Amino acid sequence: DLLPYFKRSETALDRDPALRGTNGPMIVAPAAPPN
C-alpha cells in the first residue's frame, strides 16, 4: 500500500524502477565513492 507513496517521494536513479521512484522531490543515491 505504501509503495506508490515511497516512489512518489523520491528520485532514485539506477535502482529498480518497479520498487524505486524516478521523479520525486527527494534526490537520493548511494555515496560515490564509499569510504
PDB file of all heavy atoms in Angstrom:
ATOM      1  N   ASP A   1       0.822  -1.209   0.000  1.00  0.00           N
ATOM      2  CA  ASP A   1       0.000   0.000   0.000  1.00  0.00           C
ATOM      3  C   ASP A   1       0.858   1.260   0.000  1.00  0.00           C
ATOM      4  O   ASP A   1       0.526   2.270  -0.628  1.00  0.00           O
ATOM      5  CB  ASP A   1      -0.914   0.023   1.233  1.00  0.00           C
ATOM      6  CG  ASP A   1      -1.953  -1.081   1.215  1.00  0.00           C
ATOM      7  OD1 ASP A   1      -2.540  -1.326   0.147  1.00  0.00           O
ATOM      8  OD2 ASP A   1      -2.175  -1.704   2.273  1.00  0.00           O
ATOM      9  N   LEU A   2       1.976   1.208   0.716  1.00  0.00           N
ATOM     10  CA  LEU A   2       2.849   2.375   0.826  1.00  0.00           C
ATOM     11  C   LEU A   2       3.759   2.557  -0.382  1.00  0.00           C
ATOM     12  O   LEU A   2       4.282   3.661  -0.603  1.00  0.00           O
ATOM     13  CB  LEU A   2       3.712   2.268   2.088  1.00  0.00           C
ATOM     14  CG  LEU A   2       3.049   2.643   3.409  1.00  0.00           C
ATOM     15  CD1 LEU A   2       3.923   2.250   4.577  1.00  0.00           C
ATOM     16  CD2 LEU A   2       2.744   4.146   3.453  1.00  0.00           C
ATOM     17  N   LEU A   3       3.971   1.485  -1.143  1.00  0.00           N
ATOM     18  CA  LEU A   3       4.959   1.544  -2.222  1.00  0.00           C
ATOM     19  C   LEU A   3       4.735   2.709  -3.187  1.00  0.00           C
ATOM     20  O   LEU A   3       5.707   3.405  -3.535  1.00  0.00           O
ATOM     21  CB  LEU A   3       4.995   0.214  -2.972  1.00  0.00           C
ATOM     22  CG  LEU A   3       6.048   0.102  -4.080  1.00  0.00           C
ATOM     23  CD1 LEU A   3       7.453   0.357  -3.536  1.00  0.00           C
ATOM     24  CD2 LEU A   3       5.975  -1.276  -4.750  1.00  0.00           C
ATOM     25  N   PRO A   4       3.508   2.984  -3.664  1.00  0.00           N
ATOM     26  CA  PRO A   4       3.352   4.136  -4.576  1.00  0.00           C
ATOM     27  C   PRO A   4       3.780   5.448  -3.939  1.00  0.00           C
ATOM     28  O   PRO A   4       4.254   6.356  -4.641  1.00  0.00           O
ATOM     29  CB  PRO A   4       1.855   4.133  -4.883  1.00  0.00           C
ATOM     30  CG  PRO A   4       1.386   2.767  -4.576  1.00  0.00           C
ATOM     31  CD  PRO A   4       2.239   2.274  -3.450  1.00  0.00           C
ATOM     32  N   TYR A   5       3.640   5.559  -2.620  1.00  0.00           N
ATOM     33  CA  TYR A   5       3.995   6.806  -1.932  1.00  0.00           C
ATOM     34  C   TYR A   5       5.488   6.872  -1.635  1.00  0.00           C
ATOM     35  O   TYR A   5       6.080   7.955  -1.683  1.00  0.00           O
ATOM     36  CB  TYR A   5       3.149   6.929  -0.660  1.00  0.00           C
ATOM     37  CG  TYR A   5       1.675   6.909  -0.993  1.00  0.00           C
ATOM     38  CD1 TYR A   5       0.906   5.767  -0.795  1.00  0.00           C
ATOM     39  CD2 TYR A   5       1.064   8.015  -1.577  1.00  0.00           C
ATOM     40  CE1 TYR A   5      -0.438   5.732  -1.131  1.00  0.00           C
ATOM     41  CE2 TYR A   5      -0.278   7.996  -1.916  1.00  0.00           C
ATOM     42  CZ  TYR A   5      -1.021   6.861  -1.696  1.00  0.00           C
ATOM     43  OH  TYR A   5      -2.350   6.828  -2.039  1.00  0.00           O
ATOM     44  N   PHE A   6       6.094   5.736  -1.324  1.00  0.00           N
ATOM     45  CA  PHE A   6       7.555   5.706  -1.275  1.00  0.00           C
ATOM     46  C   PHE A   6       8.122   6.192  -2.609  1.00  0.00           C
ATOM     47  O   PHE A   6       9.029   7.041  -2.641  1.00  0.00           O
ATOM     48  CB  PHE A   6       8.055   4.277  -1.019  1.00  0.00           C
ATOM     49  CG  PHE A   6       8.012   3.813   0.401  1.00  0.00           C
ATOM     50  CD1 PHE A   6       7.344   2.643   0.744  1.00  0.00           C
ATOM     51  CD2 PHE A   6       8.660   4.521   1.397  1.00  0.00           C
ATOM     52  CE1 PHE A   6       7.322   2.196   2.049  1.00  0.00           C
ATOM     53  CE2 PHE A   6       8.650   4.086   2.709  1.00  0.00           C
ATOM     54  CZ  PHE A   6       7.973   2.920   3.035  1.00  0.00           C
ATOM     55  N   LYS A   7       7.599   5.664  -3.694  1.00  0.00           N
ATOM     56  CA  LYS A   7       8.112   6.016  -5.012  1.00  0.00           C
ATOM     57  C   LYS A   7       7.840   7.472  -5.348  1.00  0.00           C
ATOM     58  O   LYS A   7       8.687   8.156  -5.943  1.00  0.00           O
ATOM     59  CB  LYS A   7       7.498   5.094  -6.065  1.00  0.00           C
ATOM     60  CG  LYS A   7       7.919   3.634  -5.936  1.00  0.00           C
ATOM     61  CD  LYS A   7       7.182   2.721  -6.898  1.00  0.00           C
ATOM     62  CE  LYS A   7       7.582   2.994  -8.337  1.00  0.00           C
ATOM     63  NZ  LYS A   7       6.955   2.007  -9.260  1.00  0.00           N
ATOM     64  N   ARG A   8       6.665   7.967  -4.964  1.00  0.00           N
ATOM     65  CA  ARG A   8       6.312   9.342  -5.304  1.00  0.00           C
ATOM     66  C   ARG A   8       7.237  10.357  -4.644  1.00  0.00           C
ATOM     67  O   ARG A   8       7.470  11.448  -5.174  1.00  0.00           O
ATOM     68  CB  ARG A   8       4.862   9.620  -4.878  1.00  0.00           C
ATOM     69  CG  ARG A   8       4.365  11.001  -5.275  1.00  0.00           C
ATOM     70  CD  ARG A   8       3.013  11.315  -4.682  1.00  0.00           C
ATOM     71  NE  ARG A   8       1.970  10.450  -5.207  1.00  0.00           N
ATOM     72  CZ  ARG A   8       0.690  10.520  -4.823  1.00  0.00           C
ATOM     73  NH1 ARG A   8       0.329  11.376  -3.874  1.00  0.00           N
ATOM     74  NH2 ARG A   8      -0.196   9.710  -5.358  1.00  0.00           N
ATOM     75  N   SER A   9       7.786   9.992  -3.486  1.00  0.00           N
ATOM     76  CA  SER A   9       8.582  10.960  -2.729  1.00  0.00           C
ATOM     77  C   SER A   9      10.001  11.114  -3.239  1.00  0.00           C
ATOM     78  O   SER A   9      10.680  12.067  -2.890  1.00  0.00           O
ATOM     79  CB  SER A   9       8.631  10.551  -1.249  1.00  0.00           C
ATOM     80  OG  SER A   9       9.414   9.381  -1.074  1.00  0.00           O
ATOM     81  N   GLU A  10      10.494  10.192  -4.080  1.00  0.00           N
ATOM     82  CA  GLU A  10      11.935  10.126  -4.321  1.00  0.00           C
ATOM     83  C   GLU A  10      12.288  10.097  -5.804  1.00  0.00           C
ATOM     84  O   GLU A  10      11.496   9.700  -6.663  1.00  0.00           O
ATOM     85  CB  GLU A  10      12.510   8.857  -3.669  1.00  0.00           C
ATOM     86  CG  GLU A  10      12.003   7.575  -4.321  1.00  0.00           C
ATOM     87  CD  GLU A  10      12.561   6.307  -3.675  1.00  0.00           C
ATOM     88  OE1 GLU A  10      13.216   6.385  -2.615  1.00  0.00           O
ATOM     89  OE2 GLU A  10      12.340   5.223  -4.243  1.00  0.00           O
ATOM     90  N   THR A  11      13.516  10.522  -6.066  1.00  0.00           N
ATOM     91  CA  THR A  11      14.187  10.221  -7.328  1.00  0.00           C
ATOM     92  C   THR A  11      15.407   9.385  -6.981  1.00  0.00           C
ATOM     93  O   THR A  11      16.356   9.871  -6.366  1.00  0.00           O
ATOM     94  CB  THR A  11      14.608  11.501  -8.066  1.00  0.00           C
ATOM     95  OG1 THR A  11      13.434  12.194  -8.492  1.00  0.00           O
ATOM     96  CG2 THR A  11      15.455  11.180  -9.280  1.00  0.00           C
ATOM     97  N   ALA A  12      15.331   8.110  -7.313  1.00  0.00           N
ATOM     98  CA  ALA A  12      16.412   7.159  -7.006  1.00  0.00           C
ATOM     99  C   ALA A  12      16.800   6.484  -8.310  1.00  0.00           C
ATOM    100  O   ALA A  12      16.291   5.419  -8.651  1.00  0.00           O
ATOM    101  CB  ALA A  12      15.944   6.141  -5.976  1.00  0.00           C
ATOM    102  N   LEU A  13      17.690   7.117  -9.045  1.00  0.00           N
ATOM    103  CA  LEU A  13      18.092   6.593 -10.344  1.00  0.00           C
ATOM    104  C   LEU A  13      19.021   5.395 -10.171  1.00  0.00           C
ATOM    105  O   LEU A  13      19.608   5.178  -9.106  1.00  0.00           O
ATOM    106  CB  LEU A  13      18.757   7.700 -11.151  1.00  0.00           C
ATOM    107  CG  LEU A  13      17.890   8.961 -11.373  1.00  0.00           C
ATOM    108  CD1 LEU A  13      18.656  10.004 -12.156  1.00  0.00           C
ATOM    109  CD2 LEU A  13      16.574   8.605 -12.064  1.00  0.00           C
ATOM    110  N   ASP A  14      19.156   4.614 -11.212  1.00  0.00           N
ATOM    111  CA  ASP A  14      19.996   3.416 -11.203  1.00  0.00           C
ATOM    112  C   ASP A  14      19.542   2.396 -10.169  1.00  0.00           C
ATOM    113  O   ASP A  14      20.342   1.609  -9.647  1.00  0.00           O
ATOM    114  CB  ASP A  14      21.470   3.789 -10.968  1.00  0.00           C
ATOM    115  CG  ASP A  14      21.999   4.716 -12.055  1.00  0.00           C
ATOM    116  OD1 ASP A  14      21.630   4.514 -13.217  1.00  0.00           O
ATOM    117  OD2 ASP A  14      22.763   5.635 -11.711  1.00  0.00           O
ATOM    118  N   ARG A  15      18.260   2.416  -9.847  1.00  0.00           N
ATOM    119  CA  ARG A  15      17.645   1.416  -8.988  1.00  0.00           C
ATOM    120  C   ARG A  15      16.514   0.748  -9.773  1.00  0.00           C
ATOM    121  O   ARG A  15      16.158   1.196 -10.870  1.00  0.00           O
ATOM    122  CB  ARG A  15      17.091   2.048  -7.711  1.00  0.00           C
ATOM    123  CG  ARG A  15      18.138   2.717  -6.822  1.00  0.00           C
ATOM    124  CD  ARG A  15      19.086   1.714  -6.195  1.00  0.00           C
ATOM    125  NE  ARG A  15      19.801   2.277  -5.054  1.00  0.00           N
ATOM    126  CZ  ARG A  15      20.707   1.628  -4.354  1.00  0.00           C
ATOM    127  NH1 ARG A  15      21.035   0.391  -4.681  1.00  0.00           N
ATOM    128  NH2 ARG A  15      21.304   2.183  -3.324  1.00  0.00           N
ATOM    129  N   ASP A  16      15.929  -0.260  -9.216  1.00  0.00           N
ATOM    130  CA  ASP A  16      14.838  -0.970  -9.870  1.00  0.00           C
ATOM    131  C   ASP A  16      13.605  -0.072  -9.905  1.00  0.00           C
ATOM    132  O   ASP A  16      13.028   0.229  -8.848  1.00  0.00           O
ATOM    133  CB  ASP A  16      14.536  -2.263  -9.104  1.00  0.00           C
ATOM    134  CG  ASP A  16      13.416  -3.082  -9.731  1.00  0.00           C
ATOM    135  OD1 ASP A  16      12.812  -2.619 -10.708  1.00  0.00           O
ATOM    136  OD2 ASP A  16      13.154  -4.182  -9.217  1.00  0.00           O
ATOM    137  N   PRO A  17      13.155   0.385 -11.068  1.00  0.00           N
ATOM    138  CA  PRO A  17      12.015   1.311 -11.126  1.00  0.00           C
ATOM    139  C   PRO A  17      10.703   0.680 -10.678  1.00  0.00           C
ATOM    140  O   PRO A  17       9.741   1.406 -10.406  1.00  0.00           O
ATOM    141  CB  PRO A  17      11.967   1.729 -12.597  1.00  0.00           C
ATOM    142  CG  PRO A  17      12.657   0.624 -13.335  1.00  0.00           C
ATOM    143  CD  PRO A  17      13.708   0.101 -12.416  1.00  0.00           C
ATOM    144  N   ALA A  18      10.649  -0.642 -10.587  1.00  0.00           N
ATOM    145  CA  ALA A  18       9.446  -1.268 -10.044  1.00  0.00           C
ATOM    146  C   ALA A  18       9.317  -1.017  -8.543  1.00  0.00           C
ATOM    147  O   ALA A  18       8.215  -1.035  -7.994  1.00  0.00           O
ATOM    148  CB  ALA A  18       9.458  -2.768 -10.316  1.00  0.00           C
ATOM    149  N   LEU A  19      10.464  -0.759  -7.900  1.00  0.00           N
ATOM    150  CA  LEU A  19      10.480  -0.524  -6.469  1.00  0.00           C
ATOM    151  C   LEU A  19      10.782   0.911  -6.100  1.00  0.00           C
ATOM    152  O   LEU A  19      10.381   1.366  -5.020  1.00  0.00           O
ATOM    153  CB  LEU A  19      11.543  -1.414  -5.800  1.00  0.00           C
ATOM    154  CG  LEU A  19      11.226  -2.891  -5.614  1.00  0.00           C
ATOM    155  CD1 LEU A  19      12.435  -3.607  -5.042  1.00  0.00           C
ATOM    156  CD2 LEU A  19      10.024  -3.063  -4.688  1.00  0.00           C
ATOM    157  N   ARG A  20      11.489   1.628  -6.945  1.00  0.00           N
ATOM    158  CA  ARG A  20      12.009   2.933  -6.562  1.00  0.00           C
ATOM    159  C   ARG A  20      11.465   4.027  -7.478  1.00  0.00           C
ATOM    160  O   ARG A  20      11.175   3.805  -8.653  1.00  0.00           O
ATOM    161  CB  ARG A  20      13.549   2.919  -6.619  1.00  0.00           C
ATOM    162  CG  ARG A  20      14.196   1.821  -5.800  1.00  0.00           C
ATOM    163  CD  ARG A  20      13.808   1.876  -4.314  1.00  0.00           C
ATOM    164  NE  ARG A  20      14.145   3.137  -3.724  1.00  0.00           N
ATOM    165  CZ  ARG A  20      15.341   3.458  -3.209  1.00  0.00           C
ATOM    166  NH1 ARG A  20      16.303   2.531  -3.216  1.00  0.00           N
ATOM    167  NH2 ARG A  20      15.571   4.630  -2.690  1.00  0.00           N
ATOM    168  N   GLY A  21      11.338   5.225  -6.905  1.00  0.00           N
ATOM    169  CA  GLY A  21      10.804   6.352  -7.655  1.00  0.00           C
ATOM    170  C   GLY A  21      11.832   6.970  -8.575  1.00  0.00           C
ATOM    171  O   GLY A  21      13.046   6.908  -8.335  1.00  0.00           O
ATOM    172  N   THR A  22      11.346   7.616  -9.633  1.00  0.00           N
ATOM    173  CA  THR A  22      12.247   8.230 -10.617  1.00  0.00           C
ATOM    174  C   THR A  22      11.949   9.707 -10.843  1.00  0.00           C
ATOM    175  O   THR A  22      12.647  10.342 -11.624  1.00  0.00           O
ATOM    176  CB  THR A  22      12.135   7.493 -11.966  1.00  0.00           C
ATOM    177  OG1 THR A  22      10.776   7.537 -12.425  1.00  0.00           O
ATOM    178  CG2 THR A  22      12.568   6.043 -11.834  1.00  0.00           C
ATOM    179  N   ASN A  23      10.930  10.255 -10.157  1.00  0.00           N
ATOM    180  CA  ASN A  23      10.567  11.647 -10.439  1.00  0.00           C
ATOM    181  C   ASN A  23      10.055  12.369  -9.202  1.00  0.00           C
ATOM    182  O   ASN A  23       9.250  13.284  -9.310  1.00  0.00           O
ATOM    183  CB  ASN A  23       9.501  11.682 -11.548  1.00  0.00           C
ATOM    184  CG  ASN A  23       9.359  13.060 -12.170  1.00  0.00           C
ATOM    185  OD1 ASN A  23      10.338  13.787 -12.303  1.00  0.00           O
ATOM    186  ND2 ASN A  23       8.134  13.423 -12.525  1.00  0.00           N
ATOM    187  N   GLY A  24      10.534  11.987  -8.032  1.00  0.00           N
ATOM    188  CA  GLY A  24      10.070  12.621  -6.802  1.00  0.00           C
ATOM    189  C   GLY A  24      10.961  13.768  -6.372  1.00  0.00           C
ATOM    190  O   GLY A  24      12.062  13.967  -6.906  1.00  0.00           O
ATOM    191  N   PRO A  25      10.526  14.544  -5.390  1.00  0.00           N
ATOM    192  CA  PRO A  25      11.289  15.724  -4.970  1.00  0.00           C
ATOM    193  C   PRO A  25      12.552  15.418  -4.173  1.00  0.00           C
ATOM    194  O   PRO A  25      13.464  16.239  -4.137  1.00  0.00           O
ATOM    195  CB  PRO A  25      10.292  16.508  -4.118  1.00  0.00           C
ATOM    196  CG  PRO A  25       9.301  15.509  -3.667  1.00  0.00           C
ATOM    197  CD  PRO A  25       9.210  14.472  -4.745  1.00  0.00           C
ATOM    198  N   MET A  26      12.626  14.254  -3.506  1.00  0.00           N
ATOM    199  CA  MET A  26      13.796  13.942  -2.700  1.00  0.00           C
ATOM    200  C   MET A  26      14.789  13.164  -3.554  1.00  0.00           C
ATOM    201  O   MET A  26      14.494  12.085  -4.072  1.00  0.00           O
ATOM    202  CB  MET A  26      13.406  13.131  -1.458  1.00  0.00           C
ATOM    203  CG  MET A  26      12.268  13.757  -0.647  1.00  0.00           C
ATOM    204  SD  MET A  26      12.477  15.536  -0.323  1.00  0.00           S
ATOM    205  CE  MET A  26      13.863  15.520   0.794  1.00  0.00           C
ATOM    206  N   ILE A  27      15.982  13.715  -3.713  1.00  0.00           N
ATOM    207  CA  ILE A  27      17.011  13.151  -4.595  1.00  0.00           C
ATOM    208  C   ILE A  27      17.918  12.257  -3.750  1.00  0.00           C
ATOM    209  O   ILE A  27      18.607  12.741  -2.849  1.00  0.00           O
ATOM    210  CB  ILE A  27      17.837  14.257  -5.277  1.00  0.00           C
ATOM    211  CG1 ILE A  27      16.910  15.336  -5.860  1.00  0.00           C
ATOM    212  CG2 ILE A  27      18.753  13.674  -6.330  1.00  0.00           C
ATOM    213  CD1 ILE A  27      15.912  14.822  -6.876  1.00  0.00           C
ATOM    214  N   VAL A  28      17.916  10.950  -4.022  1.00  0.00           N
ATOM    215  CA  VAL A  28      18.657  10.020  -3.175  1.00  0.00           C
ATOM    216  C   VAL A  28      19.544   9.127  -4.030  1.00  0.00           C
ATOM    217  O   VAL A  28      19.190   8.745  -5.143  1.00  0.00           O
ATOM    218  CB  VAL A  28      17.697   9.174  -2.312  1.00  0.00           C
ATOM    219  CG1 VAL A  28      16.861  10.068  -1.419  1.00  0.00           C
ATOM    220  CG2 VAL A  28      16.799   8.296  -3.153  1.00  0.00           C
ATOM    221  N   ALA A  29      20.707   8.811  -3.483  1.00  0.00           N
ATOM    222  CA  ALA A  29      21.671   7.957  -4.176  1.00  0.00           C
ATOM    223  C   ALA A  29      22.715   7.497  -3.172  1.00  0.00           C
ATOM    224  O   ALA A  29      22.945   8.167  -2.159  1.00  0.00           O
ATOM    225  CB  ALA A  29      22.347   8.712  -5.323  1.00  0.00           C
ATOM    226  N   PRO A  30      23.369   6.366  -3.418  1.00  0.00           N
ATOM    227  CA  PRO A  30      24.438   5.938  -2.523  1.00  0.00           C
ATOM    228  C   PRO A  30      25.677   6.812  -2.675  1.00  0.00           C
ATOM    229  O   PRO A  30      25.834   7.531  -3.669  1.00  0.00           O
ATOM    230  CB  PRO A  30      24.714   4.497  -2.965  1.00  0.00           C
ATOM    231  CG  PRO A  30      24.238   4.429  -4.370  1.00  0.00           C
ATOM    232  CD  PRO A  30      23.103   5.391  -4.486  1.00  0.00           C
ATOM    233  N   ALA A  31      26.530   6.767  -1.653  1.00  0.00           N
ATOM    234  CA  ALA A  31      27.772   7.527  -1.694  1.00  0.00           C
ATOM    235  C   ALA A  31      28.640   7.051  -2.854  1.00  0.00           C
ATOM    236  O   ALA A  31      28.733   5.864  -3.123  1.00  0.00           O
ATOM    237  CB  ALA A  31      28.532   7.363  -0.378  1.00  0.00           C
ATOM    238  N   ALA A  32      29.260   8.000  -3.529  1.00  0.00           N
ATOM    239  CA  ALA A  32      30.125   7.652  -4.658  1.00  0.00           C
ATOM    240  C   ALA A  32      31.379   8.523  -4.601  1.00  0.00           C
ATOM    241  O   ALA A  32      31.307   9.716  -4.857  1.00  0.00           O
ATOM    242  CB  ALA A  32      29.385   7.861  -5.983  1.00  0.00           C
ATOM    243  N   PRO A  33      32.535   7.955  -4.309  1.00  0.00           N
ATOM    244  CA  PRO A  33      32.738   6.560  -3.891  1.00  0.00           C
ATOM    245  C   PRO A  33      32.527   6.414  -2.394  1.00  0.00           C
ATOM    246  O   PRO A  33      32.642   7.386  -1.646  1.00  0.00           O
ATOM    247  CB  PRO A  33      34.202   6.320  -4.253  1.00  0.00           C
ATOM    248  CG  PRO A  33      34.837   7.669  -4.045  1.00  0.00           C
ATOM    249  CD  PRO A  33      33.806   8.687  -4.467  1.00  0.00           C
ATOM    250  N   PRO A  34      32.228   5.204  -1.894  1.00  0.00           N
ATOM    251  CA  PRO A  34      32.117   4.998  -0.455  1.00  0.00           C
ATOM    252  C   PRO A  34      33.485   5.055   0.211  1.00  0.00           C
ATOM    253  O   PRO A  34      34.519   4.879  -0.436  1.00  0.00           O
ATOM    254  CB  PRO A  34      31.494   3.600  -0.346  1.00  0.00           C
ATOM    255  CG  PRO A  34      31.883   2.919  -1.616  1.00  0.00           C
ATOM    256  CD  PRO A  34      31.939   3.999  -2.667  1.00  0.00           C
ATOM    257  N   ASN A  35      33.471   5.312   1.504  1.00  0.00           N
ATOM    258  CA  ASN A  35      34.719   5.379   2.265  1.00  0.00           C
ATOM    259  C   ASN A  35      35.410   4.014   2.263  1.00  0.00           C
ATOM    260  O   ASN A  35      34.773   2.969   2.421  1.00  0.00           O
ATOM    261  CB  ASN A  35      34.411   5.819   3.697  1.00  0.00           C
ATOM    262  CG  ASN A  35      35.658   6.227   4.457  1.00  0.00           C
ATOM    263  OD1 ASN A  35      36.529   5.423   4.717  1.00  0.00           O
ATOM    264  ND2 ASN A  35      35.720   7.499   4.824  1.00  0.00           N
TER     265      ASN A  35
END
